[in-house]
């Protein structure tokens, strides 16, 4: 097992540029143990979003789901996840040997989330065994309230791949209120995180480029810190009503020019994402969600 560096140079660099945070702020604040109070929450999950690399080293984000209890903390640093990405998913063949993983446990109905970063491998029963190296809770900012209205039989369709967005996929992204981002620094590990806003907060610039505003957060800059050291990233857009997934992998870059953020209320900076590959899988998730409310702190998408 690779021992990850405690200090995160990428986070510190972003914090200095943003004039926020400070020495020791971010990753060094969080240990590898799962707090006891997190255990019932993890066992209560129906959905997890994971981050990892495929066999070629491309970074991807994907969703796992199952019945309550499919994620089971066995001890203070071990979580067993009884699920794998479906065939055709870029991470379906991953974790055959131990590798970095980021896990986001997000519960839209309570607007609560925690992150568990570490390493994972598949066991003989095709379950993911996660050894945590960093565990933390996150605030509910920019989380939309949703509940599961139906569980459909698992029946993921074939993966449809490409190198650019179709018109339908561009509309999908342009109407999204949520997406997930995977990042990975070889010296610090993987991370799975969430971005949310009002529909339209993500702008499709063209078939191979999207941009989104970076709003105020916890000032840890775990995602941007990883991207500062390694711009490779993966995005996941979920069709909540139908269980379809749209996965993108590519390169991300922070645009610090204040003029770029002026059209986006609440934006501190913009993030540009250049797409290298697109994967769509219909019915990849068995969960069907109903939207109840947008986060009260979501800024308007545009002036």
C-alpha atoms as a PDB file:
ATOM      1  CA  UNK A   1       0.000   0.000   0.000  1.00  0.00           C
ATOM      2  CA  UNK A   2       1.281   3.470  -0.896  1.00  0.00           C
ATOM      3  CA  UNK A   3       1.404   5.843   2.057  1.00  0.00           C
ATOM      4  CA  UNK A   4      -0.089   9.142   0.949  1.00  0.00           C
ATOM      5  CA  UNK A   5       1.568  12.431   1.834  1.00  0.00           C
ATOM      6  CA  UNK A   6      -0.258  14.292   4.585  1.00  0.00           C
ATOM      7  CA  UNK A   7       0.489  17.820   3.371  1.00  0.00           C
ATOM      8  CA  UNK A   8      -1.262  18.644   0.094  1.00  0.00           C
ATOM      9  CA  UNK A   9       0.759  21.103  -1.975  1.00  0.00           C
ATOM     10  CA  UNK A  10      -2.055  21.523  -4.481  1.00  0.00           C
ATOM     11  CA  UNK A  11      -4.593  22.544  -1.851  1.00  0.00           C
ATOM     12  CA  UNK A  12      -2.131  24.998  -0.345  1.00  0.00           C
ATOM     13  CA  UNK A  13      -1.394  26.526  -3.752  1.00  0.00           C
ATOM     14  CA  UNK A  14      -5.106  27.056  -4.485  1.00  0.00           C
ATOM     15  CA  UNK A  15      -5.720  28.490  -1.027  1.00  0.00           C
ATOM     16  CA  UNK A  16      -2.893  30.987  -1.455  1.00  0.00           C
ATOM     17  CA  UNK A  17      -4.228  32.031  -4.867  1.00  0.00           C
ATOM     18  CA  UNK A  18      -7.750  32.405  -3.440  1.00  0.00           C
ATOM     19  CA  UNK A  19      -6.454  34.145  -0.299  1.00  0.00           C
ATOM     20  CA  UNK A  20      -8.342  31.632   1.837  1.00  0.00           C
ATOM     21  CA  UNK A  21      -7.539  28.749   4.159  1.00  0.00           C
ATOM     22  CA  UNK A  22      -4.030  28.562   5.524  1.00  0.00           C
ATOM     23  CA  UNK A  23      -1.275  26.167   6.640  1.00  0.00           C
ATOM     24  CA  UNK A  24      -2.728  22.825   7.706  1.00  0.00           C
ATOM     25  CA  UNK A  25      -6.189  23.669   6.337  1.00  0.00           C
ATOM     26  CA  UNK A  26      -7.742  20.905   4.214  1.00  0.00           C
ATOM     27  CA  UNK A  27      -6.559  17.298   3.973  1.00  0.00           C
ATOM     28  CA  UNK A  28      -4.278  17.380   7.064  1.00  0.00           C
ATOM     29  CA  UNK A  29      -7.351  18.058   9.216  1.00  0.00           C
ATOM     30  CA  UNK A  30      -8.941  14.659   8.568  1.00  0.00           C
ATOM     31  CA  UNK A  31      -7.812  11.241   9.741  1.00  0.00           C
ATOM     32  CA  UNK A  32      -8.374   7.786   8.271  1.00  0.00           C
ATOM     33  CA  UNK A  33     -10.807   6.491  10.895  1.00  0.00           C
ATOM     34  CA  UNK A  34     -14.562   6.400  10.307  1.00  0.00           C
ATOM     35  CA  UNK A  35     -16.261   8.262  13.184  1.00  0.00           C
ATOM     36  CA  UNK A  36     -18.826   6.112  14.976  1.00  0.00           C
ATOM     37  CA  UNK A  37     -21.533   8.605  14.143  1.00  0.00           C
ATOM     38  CA  UNK A  38     -20.934   8.029  10.432  1.00  0.00           C
ATOM     39  CA  UNK A  39     -21.489   4.255  10.592  1.00  0.00           C
ATOM     40  CA  UNK A  40     -25.329   4.270  10.630  1.00  0.00           C
ATOM     41  CA  UNK A  41     -25.353   6.854   7.843  1.00  0.00           C
ATOM     42  CA  UNK A  42     -23.094   4.727   5.623  1.00  0.00           C
ATOM     43  CA  UNK A  43     -25.217   1.619   6.213  1.00  0.00           C
ATOM     44  CA  UNK A  44     -28.348   3.621   5.373  1.00  0.00           C
ATOM     45  CA  UNK A  45     -27.109   4.547   1.905  1.00  0.00           C
ATOM     46  CA  UNK A  46     -28.779   3.471  -1.339  1.00  0.00           C
ATOM     47  CA  UNK A  47     -26.257   5.248  -3.560  1.00  0.00           C
ATOM     48  CA  UNK A  48     -22.521   5.970  -3.609  1.00  0.00           C
ATOM     49  CA  UNK A  49     -20.519   7.931  -6.178  1.00  0.00           C
ATOM     50  CA  UNK A  50     -16.956   6.697  -6.643  1.00  0.00           C
ATOM     51  CA  UNK A  51     -13.856   8.091  -8.325  1.00  0.00           C
ATOM     52  CA  UNK A  52     -11.045   6.069  -9.833  1.00  0.00           C
ATOM     53  CA  UNK A  53      -8.825   5.425 -12.831  1.00  0.00           C
ATOM     54  CA  UNK A  54      -9.405   2.951 -15.645  1.00  0.00           C
ATOM     55  CA  UNK A  55      -6.773   0.599 -17.077  1.00  0.00           C
ATOM     56  CA  UNK A  56      -5.332   3.400 -19.232  1.00  0.00           C
ATOM     57  CA  UNK A  57      -5.148   5.843 -16.329  1.00  0.00           C
ATOM     58  CA  UNK A  58      -8.112   8.030 -17.363  1.00  0.00           C
ATOM     59  CA  UNK A  59     -10.101   9.381 -14.397  1.00  0.00           C
ATOM     60  CA  UNK A  60     -13.819   8.623 -14.134  1.00  0.00           C
ATOM     61  CA  UNK A  61     -16.770   9.160 -11.815  1.00  0.00           C
ATOM     62  CA  UNK A  62     -19.541   6.582 -11.560  1.00  0.00           C
ATOM     63  CA  UNK A  63     -22.522   5.670  -9.409  1.00  0.00           C
ATOM     64  CA  UNK A  64     -23.118   2.498  -7.410  1.00  0.00           C
ATOM     65  CA  UNK A  65     -26.419   1.602  -5.815  1.00  0.00           C
ATOM     66  CA  UNK A  66     -28.114  -1.174  -3.916  1.00  0.00           C
ATOM     67  CA  UNK A  67     -30.432  -1.918  -1.023  1.00  0.00           C
ATOM     68  CA  UNK A  68     -29.871  -0.394   2.380  1.00  0.00           C
ATOM     69  CA  UNK A  69     -26.768  -2.009   3.832  1.00  0.00           C
ATOM     70  CA  UNK A  70     -24.969  -2.596   0.538  1.00  0.00           C
ATOM     71  CA  UNK A  71     -22.205  -0.396   1.997  1.00  0.00           C
ATOM     72  CA  UNK A  72     -21.064  -1.914   5.278  1.00  0.00           C
ATOM     73  CA  UNK A  73     -18.342  -0.509   7.568  1.00  0.00           C
ATOM     74  CA  UNK A  74     -16.615  -3.564   9.051  1.00  0.00           C
ATOM     75  CA  UNK A  75     -14.256  -1.652  11.298  1.00  0.00           C
ATOM     76  CA  UNK A  76     -12.974   1.890  11.757  1.00  0.00           C
ATOM     77  CA  UNK A  77     -11.076   1.852   8.448  1.00  0.00           C
ATOM     78  CA  UNK A  78     -12.796  -0.782   6.262  1.00  0.00           C
ATOM     79  CA  UNK A  79     -15.964  -0.444   4.193  1.00  0.00           C
ATOM     80  CA  UNK A  80     -17.250  -3.285   1.993  1.00  0.00           C
ATOM     81  CA  UNK A  81     -19.429  -2.200  -0.947  1.00  0.00           C
ATOM     82  CA  UNK A  82     -21.541  -4.981  -2.434  1.00  0.00           C
ATOM     83  CA  UNK A  83     -21.746  -3.491  -5.927  1.00  0.00           C
ATOM     84  CA  UNK A  84     -19.667  -2.907  -9.042  1.00  0.00           C
ATOM     85  CA  UNK A  85     -20.104  -0.566 -12.018  1.00  0.00           C
ATOM     86  CA  UNK A  86     -22.132  -2.214 -14.817  1.00  0.00           C
ATOM     87  CA  UNK A  87     -20.518  -3.711 -17.926  1.00  0.00           C
ATOM     88  CA  UNK A  88     -19.471  -0.958 -20.294  1.00  0.00           C
ATOM     89  CA  UNK A  89     -18.782   1.467 -17.474  1.00  0.00           C
ATOM     90  CA  UNK A  90     -15.148   2.665 -17.681  1.00  0.00           C
ATOM     91  CA  UNK A  91     -14.553   1.502 -14.094  1.00  0.00           C
ATOM     92  CA  UNK A  92     -16.186  -1.924 -14.527  1.00  0.00           C
ATOM     93  CA  UNK A  93     -12.774  -3.605 -14.805  1.00  0.00           C
ATOM     94  CA  UNK A  94     -11.004  -1.430 -12.243  1.00  0.00           C
ATOM     95  CA  UNK A  95      -9.883  -2.360  -8.722  1.00  0.00           C
ATOM     96  CA  UNK A  96      -8.746  -5.873  -9.642  1.00  0.00           C
ATOM     97  CA  UNK A  97      -5.603  -4.829  -7.838  1.00  0.00           C
ATOM     98  CA  UNK A  98      -5.475  -2.266  -5.061  1.00  0.00           C
ATOM     99  CA  UNK A  99      -5.790   1.297  -6.352  1.00  0.00           C
ATOM    100  CA  UNK A 100      -6.877   4.754  -5.257  1.00  0.00           C
ATOM    101  CA  UNK A 101     -10.585   5.393  -4.770  1.00  0.00           C
ATOM    102  CA  UNK A 102     -12.735   8.320  -3.718  1.00  0.00           C
ATOM    103  CA  UNK A 103     -16.180   7.558  -2.283  1.00  0.00           C
ATOM    104  CA  UNK A 104     -18.982  10.084  -1.842  1.00  0.00           C
ATOM    105  CA  UNK A 105     -21.936   8.989   0.277  1.00  0.00           C
ATOM    106  CA  UNK A 106     -24.658  11.482  -0.564  1.00  0.00           C
ATOM    107  CA  UNK A 107     -28.217  11.295   0.714  1.00  0.00           C
ATOM    108  CA  UNK A 108     -30.363  13.748  -1.268  1.00  0.00           C
ATOM    109  CA  UNK A 109     -33.406  13.262   0.964  1.00  0.00           C
ATOM    110  CA  UNK A 110     -31.517  14.589   4.023  1.00  0.00           C
ATOM    111  CA  UNK A 111     -29.001  16.767   2.136  1.00  0.00           C
ATOM    112  CA  UNK A 112     -26.184  15.109   4.039  1.00  0.00           C
ATOM    113  CA  UNK A 113     -22.908  13.794   2.627  1.00  0.00           C
ATOM    114  CA  UNK A 114     -19.584  12.385   3.693  1.00  0.00           C
ATOM    115  CA  UNK A 115     -16.417  11.591   1.743  1.00  0.00           C
ATOM    116  CA  UNK A 116     -14.206   8.541   2.213  1.00  0.00           C
ATOM    117  CA  UNK A 117     -10.923   8.517   0.310  1.00  0.00           C
ATOM    118  CA  UNK A 118      -8.464   5.647   0.317  1.00  0.00           C
ATOM    119  CA  UNK A 119      -7.638   2.507  -1.625  1.00  0.00           C
ATOM    120  CA  UNK A 120      -9.859  -0.335  -2.815  1.00  0.00           C
ATOM    121  CA  UNK A 121      -9.693  -3.765  -4.381  1.00  0.00           C
ATOM    122  CA  UNK A 122     -12.232  -6.320  -5.551  1.00  0.00           C
ATOM    123  CA  UNK A 123     -12.572  -9.416  -3.401  1.00  0.00           C
ATOM    124  CA  UNK A 124     -13.494 -12.930  -4.516  1.00  0.00           C
ATOM    125  CA  UNK A 125     -17.171 -12.055  -4.261  1.00  0.00           C
ATOM    126  CA  UNK A 126     -16.815  -9.082  -6.620  1.00  0.00           C
ATOM    127  CA  UNK A 127     -17.319  -6.622  -3.804  1.00  0.00           C
ATOM    128  CA  UNK A 128     -15.217  -3.496  -3.335  1.00  0.00           C
ATOM    129  CA  UNK A 129     -13.201  -3.518  -0.138  1.00  0.00           C
ATOM    130  CA  UNK A 130     -12.243   0.061   0.739  1.00  0.00           C
ATOM    131  CA  UNK A 131      -9.447   0.920   3.170  1.00  0.00           C
ATOM    132  CA  UNK A 132      -9.978   4.519   4.239  1.00  0.00           C
ATOM    133  CA  UNK A 133      -7.186   7.073   4.493  1.00  0.00           C
ATOM    134  CA  UNK A 134      -9.302  10.218   4.822  1.00  0.00           C
ATOM    135  CA  UNK A 135     -12.875  10.560   6.093  1.00  0.00           C
ATOM    136  CA  UNK A 136     -14.801  13.811   6.431  1.00  0.00           C
ATOM    137  CA  UNK A 137     -18.280  15.239   6.529  1.00  0.00           C
ATOM    138  CA  UNK A 138     -19.399  18.030   4.205  1.00  0.00           C
ATOM    139  CA  UNK A 139     -21.935  20.816   4.567  1.00  0.00           C
ATOM    140  CA  UNK A 140     -25.263  20.634   2.654  1.00  0.00           C
ATOM    141  CA  UNK A 141     -24.531  23.603   0.368  1.00  0.00           C
ATOM    142  CA  UNK A 142     -25.840  23.311  -3.203  1.00  0.00           C
ATOM    143  CA  UNK A 143     -27.521  19.929  -2.556  1.00  0.00           C
ATOM    144  CA  UNK A 144     -30.984  19.544  -4.062  1.00  0.00           C
ATOM    145  CA  UNK A 145     -33.588  17.604  -2.074  1.00  0.00           C
ATOM    146  CA  UNK A 146     -34.683  14.368  -3.731  1.00  0.00           C
ATOM    147  CA  UNK A 147     -36.273  11.119  -2.592  1.00  0.00           C
ATOM    148  CA  UNK A 148     -36.353   7.671  -4.173  1.00  0.00           C
ATOM    149  CA  UNK A 149     -39.795   7.120  -5.666  1.00  0.00           C
ATOM    150  CA  UNK A 150     -39.098   3.742  -7.270  1.00  0.00           C
ATOM    151  CA  UNK A 151     -36.484   1.015  -7.535  1.00  0.00           C
ATOM    152  CA  UNK A 152     -36.410  -0.489 -11.014  1.00  0.00           C
ATOM    153  CA  UNK A 153     -34.891  -3.877 -11.865  1.00  0.00           C
ATOM    154  CA  UNK A 154     -31.213  -3.676 -12.749  1.00  0.00           C
ATOM    155  CA  UNK A 155     -30.912  -3.778 -16.504  1.00  0.00           C
ATOM    156  CA  UNK A 156     -28.179  -1.427 -17.692  1.00  0.00           C
ATOM    157  CA  UNK A 157     -28.133  -0.860 -21.416  1.00  0.00           C
ATOM    158  CA  UNK A 158     -25.043  -1.016 -23.605  1.00  0.00           C
ATOM    159  CA  UNK A 159     -22.450   1.708 -23.283  1.00  0.00           C
ATOM    160  CA  UNK A 160     -22.583   4.309 -26.059  1.00  0.00           C
ATOM    161  CA  UNK A 161     -19.209   5.990 -26.397  1.00  0.00           C
ATOM    162  CA  UNK A 162     -17.831   8.932 -28.315  1.00  0.00           C
ATOM    163  CA  UNK A 163     -15.262  11.706 -28.266  1.00  0.00           C
ATOM    164  CA  UNK A 164     -17.699  14.606 -28.156  1.00  0.00           C
ATOM    165  CA  UNK A 165     -21.153  15.476 -26.893  1.00  0.00           C
ATOM    166  CA  UNK A 166     -24.223  14.846 -29.015  1.00  0.00           C
ATOM    167  CA  UNK A 167     -26.949  17.478 -29.201  1.00  0.00           C
ATOM    168  CA  UNK A 168     -29.062  15.465 -26.760  1.00  0.00           C
ATOM    169  CA  UNK A 169     -26.162  15.211 -24.313  1.00  0.00           C
ATOM    170  CA  UNK A 170     -25.488  18.941 -24.583  1.00  0.00           C
ATOM    171  CA  UNK A 171     -29.111  19.633 -23.620  1.00  0.00           C
ATOM    172  CA  UNK A 172     -28.829  17.140 -20.738  1.00  0.00           C
ATOM    173  CA  UNK A 173     -25.807  18.934 -19.294  1.00  0.00           C
ATOM    174  CA  UNK A 174     -27.274  22.376 -19.897  1.00  0.00           C
ATOM    175  CA  UNK A 175     -30.359  21.484 -17.827  1.00  0.00           C
ATOM    176  CA  UNK A 176     -28.486  19.758 -14.983  1.00  0.00           C
ATOM    177  CA  UNK A 177     -28.664  20.992 -11.388  1.00  0.00           C
ATOM    178  CA  UNK A 178     -26.041  18.524 -10.120  1.00  0.00           C
ATOM    179  CA  UNK A 179     -22.965  16.687 -11.275  1.00  0.00           C
ATOM    180  CA  UNK A 180     -20.134  14.765  -9.666  1.00  0.00           C
ATOM    181  CA  UNK A 181     -16.410  15.215 -10.186  1.00  0.00           C
ATOM    182  CA  UNK A 182     -13.573  12.729  -9.746  1.00  0.00           C
ATOM    183  CA  UNK A 183      -9.991  13.873  -9.282  1.00  0.00           C
ATOM    184  CA  UNK A 184      -6.746  12.118  -8.407  1.00  0.00           C
ATOM    185  CA  UNK A 185      -3.310  13.242  -7.298  1.00  0.00           C
ATOM    186  CA  UNK A 186      -0.841  10.322  -7.461  1.00  0.00           C
ATOM    187  CA  UNK A 187       0.794  11.448  -4.215  1.00  0.00           C
ATOM    188  CA  UNK A 188      -2.438  12.145  -2.335  1.00  0.00           C
ATOM    189  CA  UNK A 189      -5.058   9.784  -3.729  1.00  0.00           C
ATOM    190  CA  UNK A 190      -8.488  10.074  -5.336  1.00  0.00           C
ATOM    191  CA  UNK A 191     -11.466  12.202  -4.364  1.00  0.00           C
ATOM    192  CA  UNK A 192     -15.160  12.118  -5.274  1.00  0.00           C
ATOM    193  CA  UNK A 193     -17.083  15.356  -4.893  1.00  0.00           C
ATOM    194  CA  UNK A 194     -20.315  17.116  -5.840  1.00  0.00           C
ATOM    195  CA  UNK A 195     -21.182  20.311  -7.679  1.00  0.00           C
ATOM    196  CA  UNK A 196     -24.658  21.786  -7.622  1.00  0.00           C
ATOM    197  CA  UNK A 197     -26.597  24.862  -8.659  1.00  0.00           C
ATOM    198  CA  UNK A 198     -29.698  25.979 -10.469  1.00  0.00           C
ATOM    199  CA  UNK A 199     -30.402  24.377 -13.864  1.00  0.00           C
ATOM    200  CA  UNK A 200     -28.187  26.128 -16.386  1.00  0.00           C
ATOM    201  CA  UNK A 201     -25.225  26.621 -14.035  1.00  0.00           C
ATOM    202  CA  UNK A 202     -23.136  24.406 -16.325  1.00  0.00           C
ATOM    203  CA  UNK A 203     -22.470  25.951 -19.733  1.00  0.00           C
ATOM    204  CA  UNK A 204     -21.812  23.804 -22.787  1.00  0.00           C
ATOM    205  CA  UNK A 205     -19.323  25.819 -24.821  1.00  0.00           C
ATOM    206  CA  UNK A 206     -19.078  23.264 -27.603  1.00  0.00           C
ATOM    207  CA  UNK A 207     -19.145  19.516 -28.301  1.00  0.00           C
ATOM    208  CA  UNK A 208     -15.865  19.021 -26.426  1.00  0.00           C
ATOM    209  CA  UNK A 209     -15.883  21.739 -23.784  1.00  0.00           C
ATOM    210  CA  UNK A 210     -18.003  22.750 -20.786  1.00  0.00           C
ATOM    211  CA  UNK A 211     -17.510  25.334 -18.034  1.00  0.00           C
ATOM    212  CA  UNK A 212     -19.049  25.880 -14.616  1.00  0.00           C
ATOM    213  CA  UNK A 213     -18.798  28.442 -11.799  1.00  0.00           C
ATOM    214  CA  UNK A 214     -16.877  27.617  -8.646  1.00  0.00           C
ATOM    215  CA  UNK A 215     -18.952  28.864  -5.718  1.00  0.00           C
ATOM    216  CA  UNK A 216     -17.866  29.551  -2.158  1.00  0.00           C
ATOM    217  CA  UNK A 217     -17.373  26.386  -0.125  1.00  0.00           C
ATOM    218  CA  UNK A 218     -15.387  25.011   2.789  1.00  0.00           C
ATOM    219  CA  UNK A 219     -12.090  26.483   1.537  1.00  0.00           C
ATOM    220  CA  UNK A 220     -10.438  23.028   1.685  1.00  0.00           C
ATOM    221  CA  UNK A 221     -10.105  22.944  -2.128  1.00  0.00           C
ATOM    222  CA  UNK A 222      -9.616  19.191  -2.222  1.00  0.00           C
ATOM    223  CA  UNK A 223     -10.871  18.927  -5.798  1.00  0.00           C
ATOM    224  CA  UNK A 224      -9.085  22.005  -7.127  1.00  0.00           C
ATOM    225  CA  UNK A 225      -5.991  21.012  -5.158  1.00  0.00           C
ATOM    226  CA  UNK A 226      -5.867  17.669  -6.933  1.00  0.00           C
ATOM    227  CA  UNK A 227      -6.489  19.366 -10.285  1.00  0.00           C
ATOM    228  CA  UNK A 228      -3.643  21.808  -9.617  1.00  0.00           C
ATOM    229  CA  UNK A 229      -1.272  18.827  -9.455  1.00  0.00           C
ATOM    230  CA  UNK A 230      -3.027  16.629 -12.029  1.00  0.00           C
ATOM    231  CA  UNK A 231      -5.614  18.188 -14.384  1.00  0.00           C
ATOM    232  CA  UNK A 232      -7.085  14.809 -15.373  1.00  0.00           C
ATOM    233  CA  UNK A 233     -10.653  14.483 -14.096  1.00  0.00           C
ATOM    234  CA  UNK A 234     -13.936  12.687 -14.621  1.00  0.00           C
ATOM    235  CA  UNK A 235     -17.490  14.025 -14.501  1.00  0.00           C
ATOM    236  CA  UNK A 236     -20.778  12.196 -13.964  1.00  0.00           C
ATOM    237  CA  UNK A 237     -24.185  13.587 -14.910  1.00  0.00           C
ATOM    238  CA  UNK A 238     -27.097  11.504 -13.621  1.00  0.00           C
ATOM    239  CA  UNK A 239     -30.565  11.408 -15.145  1.00  0.00           C
ATOM    240  CA  UNK A 240     -32.279  11.175 -11.769  1.00  0.00           C
ATOM    241  CA  UNK A 241     -35.707  10.285 -13.135  1.00  0.00           C
ATOM    242  CA  UNK A 242     -34.594   7.432 -15.419  1.00  0.00           C
ATOM    243  CA  UNK A 243     -31.287   6.178 -13.983  1.00  0.00           C
ATOM    244  CA  UNK A 244     -29.229   7.007 -17.080  1.00  0.00           C
ATOM    245  CA  UNK A 245     -25.609   8.070 -16.650  1.00  0.00           C
ATOM    246  CA  UNK A 246     -23.428  10.366 -18.735  1.00  0.00           C
ATOM    247  CA  UNK A 247     -19.720  10.097 -17.934  1.00  0.00           C
ATOM    248  CA  UNK A 248     -16.997  12.389 -19.230  1.00  0.00           C
ATOM    249  CA  UNK A 249     -13.246  12.174 -18.847  1.00  0.00           C
ATOM    250  CA  UNK A 250     -10.795  14.898 -19.780  1.00  0.00           C
ATOM    251  CA  UNK A 251      -8.755  17.790 -18.442  1.00  0.00           C
ATOM    252  CA  UNK A 252      -9.863  20.578 -16.109  1.00  0.00           C
ATOM    253  CA  UNK A 253      -8.415  24.058 -15.684  1.00  0.00           C
ATOM    254  CA  UNK A 254      -9.275  26.909 -13.318  1.00  0.00           C
ATOM    255  CA  UNK A 255      -9.865  30.286 -14.963  1.00  0.00           C
ATOM    256  CA  UNK A 256      -8.902  32.930 -12.395  1.00  0.00           C
ATOM    257  CA  UNK A 257      -9.782  35.897 -14.610  1.00  0.00           C
ATOM    258  CA  UNK A 258     -12.514  37.823 -12.727  1.00  0.00           C
ATOM    259  CA  UNK A 259     -14.118  38.817 -16.029  1.00  0.00           C
ATOM    260  CA  UNK A 260     -14.883  35.165 -16.782  1.00  0.00           C
ATOM    261  CA  UNK A 261     -17.062  34.841 -13.676  1.00  0.00           C
ATOM    262  CA  UNK A 262     -18.974  38.122 -14.005  1.00  0.00           C
ATOM    263  CA  UNK A 263     -21.976  36.573 -15.762  1.00  0.00           C
ATOM    264  CA  UNK A 264     -22.441  33.970 -13.028  1.00  0.00           C
ATOM    265  CA  UNK A 265     -23.835  35.220  -9.684  1.00  0.00           C
ATOM    266  CA  UNK A 266     -21.852  33.842  -6.755  1.00  0.00           C
ATOM    267  CA  UNK A 267     -18.987  32.619  -8.927  1.00  0.00           C
ATOM    268  CA  UNK A 268     -15.528  33.119  -7.463  1.00  0.00           C
ATOM    269  CA  UNK A 269     -13.851  31.678 -10.541  1.00  0.00           C
ATOM    270  CA  UNK A 270     -14.701  29.406 -13.461  1.00  0.00           C
ATOM    271  CA  UNK A 271     -13.576  25.857 -14.217  1.00  0.00           C
ATOM    272  CA  UNK A 272     -13.092  24.788 -17.828  1.00  0.00           C
ATOM    273  CA  UNK A 273     -13.286  21.132 -18.816  1.00  0.00           C
ATOM    274  CA  UNK A 274     -12.002  19.730 -22.118  1.00  0.00           C
ATOM    275  CA  UNK A 275     -13.590  16.391 -22.998  1.00  0.00           C
ATOM    276  CA  UNK A 276     -11.601  13.466 -24.363  1.00  0.00           C
ATOM    277  CA  UNK A 277     -14.216  10.695 -24.072  1.00  0.00           C
ATOM    278  CA  UNK A 278     -17.948  10.368 -23.415  1.00  0.00           C
ATOM    279  CA  UNK A 279     -19.826   7.297 -22.154  1.00  0.00           C
ATOM    280  CA  UNK A 280     -23.616   7.063 -21.857  1.00  0.00           C
ATOM    281  CA  UNK A 281     -25.332   4.069 -20.238  1.00  0.00           C
ATOM    282  CA  UNK A 282     -29.122   3.959 -20.001  1.00  0.00           C
ATOM    283  CA  UNK A 283     -30.607   2.574 -16.770  1.00  0.00           C
ATOM    284  CA  UNK A 284     -27.150   2.241 -15.210  1.00  0.00           C
ATOM    285  CA  UNK A 285     -28.755   2.975 -11.830  1.00  0.00           C
ATOM    286  CA  UNK A 286     -31.830   1.210 -10.483  1.00  0.00           C
ATOM    287  CA  UNK A 287     -32.940   4.225  -8.446  1.00  0.00           C
ATOM    288  CA  UNK A 288     -35.591   6.648  -9.704  1.00  0.00           C
ATOM    289  CA  UNK A 289     -35.613   9.966  -7.866  1.00  0.00           C
ATOM    290  CA  UNK A 290     -38.170  12.729  -7.440  1.00  0.00           C
ATOM    291  CA  UNK A 291     -37.040  16.353  -7.076  1.00  0.00           C
ATOM    292  CA  UNK A 292     -38.611  18.263  -4.173  1.00  0.00           C
ATOM    293  CA  UNK A 293     -36.594  21.461  -3.803  1.00  0.00           C
ATOM    294  CA  UNK A 294     -33.461  23.215  -4.947  1.00  0.00           C
ATOM    295  CA  UNK A 295     -30.940  24.282  -2.336  1.00  0.00           C
ATOM    296  CA  UNK A 296     -31.835  27.661  -0.863  1.00  0.00           C
ATOM    297  CA  UNK A 297     -28.229  28.811  -1.259  1.00  0.00           C
ATOM    298  CA  UNK A 298     -28.049  28.119  -5.000  1.00  0.00           C
ATOM    299  CA  UNK A 299     -27.209  31.358  -6.804  1.00  0.00           C
ATOM    300  CA  UNK A 300     -29.116  32.152  -9.991  1.00  0.00           C
ATOM    301  CA  UNK A 301     -27.496  30.470 -12.962  1.00  0.00           C
ATOM    302  CA  UNK A 302     -26.913  33.784 -14.782  1.00  0.00           C
ATOM    303  CA  UNK A 303     -27.431  37.502 -14.359  1.00  0.00           C
END
